[in-house]
Every structure is written in structure tokens, then in C-alpha cells.
């Protein structure tokens, strides 16, 4: 297993755990985190797009949990093979955050 694939697998797990915490009500994203998710949901998921979105995040996002799974994703998305699973898991998380109950 390469370092990139190991990081991709770890990131997928982290995103899945965050999604489960959200669904269970244990984590409630800050409104700024929801705004970021809304912006990401409308974009094309590649490393360039993600880096651009993360450069402009509000301070509340930097202090939240969502950034912990998004920040390392850009480097993983540079690697096409490892990036597919990561994109899928992150999109599931973002879709959940942008669908109001």
C-alpha cells in the first residue's frame, strides 16, 4: 500500500466518522461550515477547486471539524487513483450537510 492510498483510506474513514456524528446529532456544523459545503456541492471536485475553496474559508470553519477532512483532501486528489474514493466519501458528507432535515 502506498502512502497516498493509506492517507486516502484514512481520510475516507475520517469523513465517514464525521458523517455518522452528524447523522447521530453528535456534531452540528457551524453555519459557515454549511456555507462551505454549499459552495463545494456546486463545484467540480478536483484539487485545484478544493484548494481555492479552502483558501477563502471563514475563521469559524478553520476552528471546526469539517476542515479536518477537507484540508488534506486536496493533496490526495492530485493522485487520480487514490482520489476517486476520497471524492465519493467527501461528496456523500457534503450532500448530507446541504440537505436540510
N, C-alpha and C. Protein backbone atom coordinates (compact mmCIF):
# COMPACT_ATOMS: atom_id res chain seq x y z
N UNK A 1 0.85 -1.18 0.00
CA UNK A 1 0.00 0.00 0.00
C UNK A 1 0.89 1.24 0.00
N UNK A 2 0.58 2.18 -0.88
CA UNK A 2 1.37 3.41 -0.96
C UNK A 2 0.92 4.36 0.14
N UNK A 3 1.78 5.34 0.40
CA UNK A 3 1.44 6.35 1.41
C UNK A 3 0.17 7.09 1.02
N UNK A 4 0.06 7.42 -0.28
CA UNK A 4 -1.12 8.16 -0.74
C UNK A 4 -2.39 7.35 -0.54
N UNK A 5 -2.34 6.05 -0.86
CA UNK A 5 -3.55 5.24 -0.69
C UNK A 5 -3.88 5.07 0.79
N UNK A 6 -2.87 4.98 1.63
CA UNK A 6 -3.11 4.88 3.08
C UNK A 6 -3.75 6.17 3.59
N UNK A 7 -3.26 7.32 3.11
CA UNK A 7 -3.85 8.59 3.51
C UNK A 7 -5.28 8.72 2.98
N UNK A 8 -5.49 8.25 1.77
CA UNK A 8 -6.84 8.27 1.19
C UNK A 8 -7.81 7.43 2.00
N UNK A 9 -7.37 6.25 2.40
CA UNK A 9 -8.22 5.38 3.22
C UNK A 9 -8.51 6.01 4.57
N UNK A 10 -7.50 6.62 5.17
CA UNK A 10 -7.70 7.28 6.47
C UNK A 10 -8.66 8.46 6.33
N UNK A 11 -8.53 9.21 5.26
CA UNK A 11 -9.41 10.34 5.03
C UNK A 11 -10.85 9.88 4.79
N UNK A 12 -11.02 8.79 4.05
CA UNK A 12 -12.36 8.23 3.84
C UNK A 12 -12.98 7.83 5.18
N UNK A 13 -12.20 7.19 6.03
CA UNK A 13 -12.69 6.79 7.36
C UNK A 13 -13.07 8.02 8.18
N UNK A 14 -12.21 9.04 8.17
CA UNK A 14 -12.49 10.26 8.94
C UNK A 14 -13.77 10.93 8.46
N UNK A 15 -13.96 10.99 7.15
CA UNK A 15 -15.17 11.59 6.59
C UNK A 15 -16.40 10.77 6.96
N UNK A 16 -16.27 9.45 6.94
CA UNK A 16 -17.39 8.59 7.31
C UNK A 16 -17.75 8.76 8.79
N UNK A 17 -16.75 8.88 9.64
CA UNK A 17 -16.99 9.10 11.07
C UNK A 17 -17.67 10.44 11.30
N UNK A 18 -17.22 11.47 10.59
CA UNK A 18 -17.84 12.79 10.73
C UNK A 18 -19.29 12.76 10.25
N UNK A 19 -19.53 12.07 9.16
CA UNK A 19 -20.90 11.92 8.65
C UNK A 19 -21.78 11.20 9.67
N UNK A 20 -21.28 10.16 10.26
CA UNK A 20 -22.05 9.43 11.27
C UNK A 20 -22.32 10.31 12.49
N UNK A 21 -21.33 11.10 12.89
CA UNK A 21 -21.54 12.02 14.02
C UNK A 21 -22.62 13.05 13.69
N UNK A 22 -22.62 13.50 12.45
CA UNK A 22 -23.64 14.46 12.01
C UNK A 22 -25.02 13.81 12.04
N UNK A 23 -25.12 12.64 11.46
CA UNK A 23 -26.41 11.95 11.39
C UNK A 23 -26.93 11.59 12.77
N UNK A 24 -26.03 11.32 13.71
CA UNK A 24 -26.43 10.97 15.07
C UNK A 24 -26.71 12.20 15.93
N UNK A 25 -26.42 13.38 15.40
CA UNK A 25 -26.64 14.61 16.15
C UNK A 25 -25.51 14.95 17.10
N UNK A 26 -24.41 14.21 17.05
CA UNK A 26 -23.28 14.47 17.93
C UNK A 26 -22.43 15.63 17.44
N UNK A 27 -22.53 15.96 16.16
CA UNK A 27 -21.82 17.09 15.59
C UNK A 27 -22.80 17.93 14.78
N UNK A 28 -22.84 19.21 15.09
CA UNK A 28 -23.67 20.14 14.33
C UNK A 28 -22.72 21.14 13.69
N UNK A 29 -22.69 21.17 12.36
CA UNK A 29 -21.77 22.09 11.70
C UNK A 29 -22.15 23.55 11.94
N UNK A 30 -21.14 24.37 12.05
CA UNK A 30 -21.31 25.81 12.15
C UNK A 30 -21.97 26.30 10.86
N UNK A 31 -22.73 27.39 10.90
CA UNK A 31 -23.32 27.92 9.66
C UNK A 31 -22.28 28.19 8.56
N UNK A 32 -21.09 28.61 8.95
CA UNK A 32 -20.04 28.84 7.96
C UNK A 32 -19.58 27.52 7.33
N UNK A 33 -19.60 26.43 8.10
CA UNK A 33 -19.26 25.13 7.54
C UNK A 33 -20.33 24.69 6.54
N UNK A 34 -21.58 24.97 6.85
CA UNK A 34 -22.67 24.66 5.90
C UNK A 34 -22.51 25.49 4.62
N UNK A 35 -22.13 26.75 4.78
CA UNK A 35 -21.91 27.59 3.60
C UNK A 35 -20.79 27.02 2.73
N UNK A 36 -19.73 26.56 3.36
CA UNK A 36 -18.64 25.94 2.61
C UNK A 36 -19.14 24.70 1.88
N UNK A 37 -19.92 23.88 2.57
CA UNK A 37 -20.47 22.67 1.96
C UNK A 37 -21.35 23.02 0.76
N UNK A 38 -22.14 24.08 0.89
CA UNK A 38 -22.99 24.53 -0.23
C UNK A 38 -22.13 24.90 -1.44
N UNK A 39 -21.06 25.63 -1.20
CA UNK A 39 -20.17 26.00 -2.29
C UNK A 39 -19.50 24.81 -2.93
N UNK A 40 -19.09 23.87 -2.10
CA UNK A 40 -18.43 22.67 -2.63
C UNK A 40 -19.41 21.81 -3.42
N UNK A 41 -20.65 21.76 -2.99
CA UNK A 41 -21.65 20.93 -3.66
C UNK A 41 -21.88 21.39 -5.09
N UNK A 42 -21.65 22.67 -5.36
CA UNK A 42 -21.90 23.21 -6.69
C UNK A 42 -20.67 23.16 -7.60
N UNK A 43 -19.55 22.73 -7.08
CA UNK A 43 -18.31 22.80 -7.85
C UNK A 43 -17.86 21.49 -8.45
N UNK A 44 -16.79 21.60 -9.20
CA UNK A 44 -16.15 20.43 -9.80
C UNK A 44 -15.05 19.96 -8.85
N UNK A 45 -15.14 18.74 -8.40
CA UNK A 45 -14.25 18.23 -7.37
C UNK A 45 -12.91 17.82 -7.95
N UNK A 46 -11.96 18.72 -7.86
CA UNK A 46 -10.58 18.40 -8.16
C UNK A 46 -9.71 19.17 -7.17
N UNK A 47 -8.43 18.90 -7.18
CA UNK A 47 -7.53 19.50 -6.20
C UNK A 47 -7.52 21.02 -6.31
N UNK A 48 -7.51 21.54 -7.52
CA UNK A 48 -7.47 23.00 -7.72
C UNK A 48 -8.72 23.66 -7.13
N UNK A 49 -9.90 23.12 -7.43
CA UNK A 49 -11.16 23.66 -6.92
C UNK A 49 -11.19 23.63 -5.39
N UNK A 50 -10.78 22.51 -4.81
CA UNK A 50 -10.81 22.37 -3.36
C UNK A 50 -9.84 23.34 -2.70
N UNK A 51 -8.64 23.46 -3.24
CA UNK A 51 -7.67 24.40 -2.67
C UNK A 51 -8.20 25.84 -2.72
N UNK A 52 -8.80 26.20 -3.84
CA UNK A 52 -9.36 27.55 -3.98
C UNK A 52 -10.46 27.79 -2.96
N UNK A 53 -11.33 26.82 -2.77
CA UNK A 53 -12.42 26.96 -1.80
C UNK A 53 -11.88 27.08 -0.37
N UNK A 54 -10.85 26.34 -0.06
CA UNK A 54 -10.31 26.34 1.30
C UNK A 54 -9.49 27.59 1.61
N UNK A 55 -8.97 28.24 0.59
CA UNK A 55 -8.20 29.48 0.82
C UNK A 55 -9.09 30.59 1.37
N UNK A 56 -10.37 30.54 1.06
CA UNK A 56 -11.27 31.64 1.39
C UNK A 56 -12.23 31.33 2.53
N UNK A 57 -11.94 30.32 3.33
CA UNK A 57 -12.90 29.95 4.38
C UNK A 57 -12.86 30.93 5.54
N UNK A 58 -14.00 31.02 6.20
CA UNK A 58 -14.16 31.88 7.37
C UNK A 58 -13.40 31.29 8.56
N UNK A 59 -13.03 32.14 9.52
CA UNK A 59 -12.33 31.64 10.71
C UNK A 59 -13.11 30.56 11.46
N UNK A 60 -14.45 30.65 11.45
CA UNK A 60 -15.25 29.62 12.13
C UNK A 60 -15.04 28.25 11.51
N UNK A 61 -14.81 28.22 10.21
CA UNK A 61 -14.57 26.95 9.52
C UNK A 61 -13.22 26.39 9.93
N UNK A 62 -12.23 27.25 10.03
CA UNK A 62 -10.89 26.79 10.42
C UNK A 62 -10.89 26.19 11.82
N UNK A 63 -11.82 26.60 12.66
CA UNK A 63 -11.90 26.07 14.03
C UNK A 63 -12.81 24.85 14.13
N UNK A 64 -13.49 24.49 13.04
CA UNK A 64 -14.46 23.40 13.07
C UNK A 64 -13.88 22.05 12.68
N UNK A 65 -14.74 21.07 12.62
CA UNK A 65 -14.33 19.70 12.31
C UNK A 65 -14.30 19.40 10.82
N UNK A 66 -15.11 20.10 10.03
CA UNK A 66 -15.18 19.83 8.61
C UNK A 66 -13.84 20.07 7.92
N UNK A 67 -13.15 21.09 8.33
CA UNK A 67 -11.85 21.43 7.73
C UNK A 67 -10.84 20.30 7.93
N UNK A 68 -10.99 19.54 9.00
CA UNK A 68 -10.06 18.44 9.28
C UNK A 68 -10.10 17.36 8.21
N UNK A 69 -11.25 17.18 7.56
CA UNK A 69 -11.32 16.19 6.49
C UNK A 69 -11.12 16.82 5.12
N UNK A 70 -11.41 18.10 5.00
CA UNK A 70 -11.26 18.74 3.69
C UNK A 70 -9.82 19.16 3.39
N UNK A 71 -9.11 19.68 4.38
CA UNK A 71 -7.77 20.22 4.16
C UNK A 71 -6.80 19.19 3.56
N UNK A 72 -6.73 17.98 4.08
CA UNK A 72 -5.78 17.04 3.48
C UNK A 72 -6.25 16.44 2.15
N UNK A 73 -7.50 16.65 1.81
CA UNK A 73 -8.05 16.03 0.61
C UNK A 73 -7.43 16.56 -0.67
N UNK A 74 -7.07 17.82 -0.72
CA UNK A 74 -6.52 18.39 -1.95
C UNK A 74 -5.27 17.65 -2.40
N UNK A 75 -4.39 17.33 -1.48
CA UNK A 75 -3.17 16.60 -1.86
C UNK A 75 -3.50 15.20 -2.36
N UNK A 76 -4.48 14.59 -1.77
CA UNK A 76 -4.88 13.24 -2.19
C UNK A 76 -5.55 13.30 -3.56
N UNK A 77 -6.31 14.35 -3.82
CA UNK A 77 -7.00 14.47 -5.10
C UNK A 77 -6.02 14.66 -6.25
N UNK A 78 -4.81 15.08 -5.96
CA UNK A 78 -3.78 15.17 -7.00
C UNK A 78 -3.44 13.79 -7.56
N UNK A 79 -3.65 12.77 -6.75
CA UNK A 79 -3.38 11.39 -7.16
C UNK A 79 -4.68 10.75 -7.64
N UNK A 80 -4.84 10.61 -8.92
CA UNK A 80 -6.12 10.18 -9.51
C UNK A 80 -6.64 8.88 -8.91
N UNK A 81 -5.80 7.88 -8.78
CA UNK A 81 -6.26 6.57 -8.30
C UNK A 81 -6.77 6.65 -6.87
N UNK A 82 -6.06 7.33 -6.01
CA UNK A 82 -6.45 7.43 -4.61
C UNK A 82 -7.61 8.40 -4.44
N UNK A 83 -7.72 9.36 -5.34
CA UNK A 83 -8.69 10.42 -5.18
C UNK A 83 -10.14 10.03 -5.40
N UNK A 84 -10.40 9.00 -6.19
CA UNK A 84 -11.78 8.64 -6.51
C UNK A 84 -12.60 8.27 -5.28
N UNK A 85 -12.06 7.41 -4.44
CA UNK A 85 -12.78 7.01 -3.23
C UNK A 85 -12.94 8.18 -2.27
N UNK A 86 -11.92 9.01 -2.19
CA UNK A 86 -11.97 10.18 -1.31
C UNK A 86 -13.07 11.13 -1.79
N UNK A 87 -13.10 11.41 -3.07
CA UNK A 87 -14.12 12.31 -3.62
C UNK A 87 -15.51 11.76 -3.33
N UNK A 88 -15.70 10.48 -3.54
CA UNK A 88 -17.01 9.88 -3.29
C UNK A 88 -17.43 10.06 -1.84
N UNK A 89 -16.56 9.74 -0.90
CA UNK A 89 -16.91 9.86 0.53
C UNK A 89 -17.13 11.31 0.93
N UNK A 90 -16.31 12.22 0.42
CA UNK A 90 -16.49 13.63 0.76
C UNK A 90 -17.77 14.19 0.15
N UNK A 91 -18.11 13.75 -1.04
CA UNK A 91 -19.36 14.21 -1.66
C UNK A 91 -20.57 13.72 -0.87
N UNK A 92 -20.51 12.50 -0.36
CA UNK A 92 -21.60 11.99 0.47
C UNK A 92 -21.75 12.86 1.71
N UNK A 93 -20.63 13.21 2.33
CA UNK A 93 -20.65 14.08 3.51
C UNK A 93 -21.22 15.45 3.16
N UNK A 94 -20.73 16.06 2.11
CA UNK A 94 -21.19 17.39 1.70
C UNK A 94 -22.67 17.35 1.32
N UNK A 95 -23.08 16.32 0.61
CA UNK A 95 -24.51 16.20 0.25
C UNK A 95 -25.39 16.13 1.49
N UNK A 96 -24.93 15.40 2.50
CA UNK A 96 -25.71 15.30 3.74
C UNK A 96 -25.81 16.67 4.42
N UNK A 97 -24.72 17.43 4.39
CA UNK A 97 -24.72 18.73 5.04
C UNK A 97 -25.57 19.75 4.30
N UNK A 98 -25.77 19.54 3.02
CA UNK A 98 -26.53 20.52 2.24
C UNK A 98 -28.00 20.11 2.09
N UNK A 99 -28.37 18.98 2.63
CA UNK A 99 -29.76 18.53 2.62
C UNK A 99 -30.32 18.78 4.00
N UNK A 100 -31.18 19.76 4.11
CA UNK A 100 -31.74 20.10 5.41
C UNK A 100 -32.79 19.08 5.80
N UNK A 101 -32.78 18.69 7.07
CA UNK A 101 -33.75 17.68 7.55
C UNK A 101 -35.18 18.20 7.52
